[in-house]
Amino acid sequence: MKLSGIIVASSIAASSAFVPAPRQQPAPSTELNVATKGKIGPVRRAISSVTKDNFSATLTEIEPFLLEDTGITFYKKSMRRLGMKARVLGVEMPADYARDAKCTAKRREKQDAFCQIKAEEAAAAAAAAEEEAAAAVEKESAAEEEPATED
């Protein structure tokens, strides 16, 4: 009896040695819905289920989310999807729809600064070209005024 108890106990211990240990913590998630509090799903479903009849209502419904809560990647994808849906359905998407999104503010500021610098450079180049042209005209008129003297 003792021998059979020892055999049973050792076989149970040996068989449990090959069983993988249960996970203590779940695997880390790659989803980013913590910051958006799960709002991406309804917006994505609204975009995919848009029809010609509810297009403008859907746009007004999801615009606050696109302006305030979304990240740049989801914003770009949503705008592209909405544009494609508008072309397929034959409706026109507003030109300034969700243009002032918080996720694009930094990029817009950087682009505005770049455009201002380029405009200043173009104005400076135009002024320099105008000064060169004025100097050339002045030099030419001074050359014509001097009589040619031959001895």
Protein backbone atom coordinates (compact mmCIF):
# COMPACT_ATOMS: atom_id res chain seq x y z
CA MET A 1 0.00 0.00 0.00
CA LYS A 2 2.82 2.35 0.85
CA LEU A 3 4.55 1.48 -2.35
CA SER A 4 1.51 2.20 -4.50
CA GLY A 5 0.96 5.56 -2.71
CA ILE A 6 4.54 6.55 -3.44
CA ILE A 7 4.20 5.56 -7.10
CA VAL A 8 0.97 7.56 -7.49
CA ALA A 9 2.46 10.63 -5.79
CA SER A 10 5.62 10.50 -7.92
CA SER A 11 3.65 10.06 -11.15
CA ILE A 12 1.48 13.10 -10.30
CA ALA A 13 4.55 15.19 -9.52
CA ALA A 14 6.29 14.05 -12.69
CA SER A 15 3.31 14.81 -14.91
CA SER A 16 2.82 18.30 -13.48
CA ALA A 17 6.45 19.14 -14.21
CA PHE A 18 5.70 19.32 -17.94
CA VAL A 19 2.61 21.54 -17.68
CA PRO A 20 3.32 25.22 -18.47
CA ALA A 21 2.89 27.61 -15.60
CA PRO A 22 -0.22 29.79 -15.74
CA ARG A 23 0.30 33.44 -16.65
CA GLN A 24 0.34 35.77 -13.72
CA GLN A 25 -0.33 38.96 -15.72
CA PRO A 26 -2.09 39.35 -19.03
CA ALA A 27 -0.01 40.19 -22.06
CA PRO A 28 0.46 43.93 -22.60
CA SER A 29 -2.09 45.35 -24.98
CA THR A 30 -1.14 47.30 -28.08
CA GLU A 31 -4.48 49.07 -28.30
CA LEU A 32 -4.46 52.77 -27.56
CA ASN A 33 -8.07 53.14 -26.45
CA VAL A 34 -7.04 54.26 -22.97
CA ALA A 35 -6.69 57.88 -24.05
CA THR A 36 -9.83 57.83 -26.18
CA LYS A 37 -11.87 55.85 -23.65
CA GLY A 38 -13.18 53.46 -26.29
CA LYS A 39 -14.64 56.08 -28.61
CA ILE A 40 -12.74 54.96 -31.71
CA GLY A 41 -15.03 51.98 -32.31
CA PRO A 42 -18.29 53.96 -32.60
CA VAL A 43 -16.63 56.56 -34.83
CA ARG A 44 -15.20 53.87 -37.10
CA ARG A 45 -18.60 52.17 -37.30
CA ALA A 46 -20.30 55.49 -38.03
CA ILE A 47 -17.89 56.16 -40.89
CA SER A 48 -18.30 52.70 -42.36
CA SER A 49 -22.11 52.81 -42.14
CA VAL A 50 -22.56 56.29 -43.61
CA THR A 51 -25.13 56.65 -46.40
CA LYS A 52 -26.14 59.46 -48.69
CA ASP A 53 -29.10 60.25 -46.42
CA ASN A 54 -27.20 60.44 -43.14
CA PHE A 55 -23.87 61.82 -44.43
CA SER A 56 -24.17 65.35 -43.02
CA ALA A 57 -25.66 64.10 -39.73
CA THR A 58 -22.77 61.66 -39.32
CA LEU A 59 -20.24 64.41 -40.04
CA THR A 60 -21.69 66.67 -37.36
CA GLU A 61 -21.86 63.75 -34.93
CA ILE A 62 -18.20 62.73 -35.23
CA GLU A 63 -16.62 66.16 -35.76
CA PRO A 64 -16.15 66.97 -32.03
CA PHE A 65 -14.29 63.69 -31.56
CA LEU A 66 -12.06 64.36 -34.57
CA LEU A 67 -11.33 67.90 -33.37
CA GLU A 68 -10.53 67.17 -29.74
CA ASP A 69 -9.89 63.53 -28.86
CA THR A 70 -8.31 61.75 -31.79
CA GLY A 71 -4.65 61.26 -32.60
CA ILE A 72 -3.00 62.15 -35.89
CA THR A 73 -3.04 58.63 -37.32
CA PHE A 74 -6.73 57.98 -36.69
CA TYR A 75 -7.50 61.54 -37.84
CA LYS A 76 -5.75 61.02 -41.18
CA LYS A 77 -7.39 57.64 -41.75
CA SER A 78 -10.83 58.97 -40.83
CA MET A 79 -10.53 61.99 -43.11
CA ARG A 80 -9.36 59.76 -45.96
CA ARG A 81 -12.22 57.32 -45.39
CA LEU A 82 -14.77 60.13 -45.21
CA GLY A 83 -13.43 61.64 -48.43
CA MET A 84 -13.65 58.29 -50.19
CA LYS A 85 -17.20 57.73 -48.92
CA ALA A 86 -18.18 61.19 -50.13
CA ARG A 87 -16.85 60.47 -53.63
CA VAL A 88 -18.55 57.06 -53.76
CA LEU A 89 -21.88 58.42 -52.52
CA GLY A 90 -21.72 61.47 -54.79
CA VAL A 91 -21.93 64.04 -51.99
CA GLU A 92 -19.54 66.87 -51.32
CA MET A 93 -17.50 66.99 -48.16
CA PRO A 94 -17.11 70.49 -46.66
CA ALA A 95 -13.74 72.00 -47.52
CA ASP A 96 -12.99 73.11 -43.97
CA TYR A 97 -14.39 70.05 -42.18
CA ALA A 98 -12.33 69.29 -39.03
CA ARG A 99 -9.36 71.33 -40.28
CA ASP A 100 -8.61 72.86 -36.87
CA ALA A 101 -8.04 69.56 -35.09
CA LYS A 102 -5.93 69.62 -31.98
CA CYS A 103 -3.73 66.81 -33.28
CA THR A 104 -2.68 68.89 -36.31
CA ALA A 105 -2.07 72.20 -34.50
CA LYS A 106 1.69 71.74 -34.16
CA ARG A 107 2.07 70.81 -37.82
CA ARG A 108 -0.04 73.80 -38.91
CA GLU A 109 2.05 76.19 -36.79
CA LYS A 110 5.25 74.81 -38.26
CA GLN A 111 3.88 75.10 -41.80
CA ASP A 112 2.74 78.69 -41.20
CA ALA A 113 6.18 79.65 -39.88
CA PHE A 114 7.83 78.03 -42.91
CA CYS A 115 5.52 79.90 -45.30
CA GLN A 116 6.24 83.21 -43.57
CA ILE A 117 9.98 82.66 -43.84
CA LYS A 118 9.68 81.80 -47.54
CA ALA A 119 7.53 84.89 -48.17
CA GLU A 120 10.11 87.09 -46.42
CA GLU A 121 12.91 85.53 -48.47
CA ALA A 122 10.97 86.10 -51.69
CA ALA A 123 10.30 89.73 -50.73
CA ALA A 124 13.98 90.26 -49.91
CA ALA A 125 15.02 88.69 -53.23
CA ALA A 126 12.56 90.89 -55.12
CA ALA A 127 13.86 94.00 -53.34
CA ALA A 128 17.46 93.02 -54.13
CA ALA A 129 16.58 92.43 -57.77
CA GLU A 130 14.83 95.79 -57.91
CA GLU A 131 17.88 97.53 -56.41
CA GLU A 132 20.16 95.82 -58.93
CA ALA A 133 17.90 96.89 -61.78
CA ALA A 134 17.84 100.47 -60.49
CA ALA A 135 21.64 100.46 -60.16
CA ALA A 136 22.02 99.10 -63.70
CA VAL A 137 19.70 101.78 -65.07
CA GLU A 138 21.59 104.46 -63.16
CA LYS A 139 24.94 103.18 -64.42
CA GLU A 140 23.64 103.04 -67.99
CA SER A 141 22.26 106.58 -67.85
CA ALA A 142 25.54 107.85 -66.36
CA ALA A 143 27.48 106.19 -69.19
CA GLU A 144 25.27 107.83 -71.82
CA GLU A 145 25.64 111.29 -70.28
CA GLU A 146 29.44 111.26 -70.44
CA PRO A 147 30.54 112.33 -73.89
CA ALA A 148 33.08 110.18 -75.54
CA THR A 149 36.28 112.18 -75.90
CA GLU A 150 38.86 111.21 -78.45
CA ASP A 151 42.22 112.90 -78.55
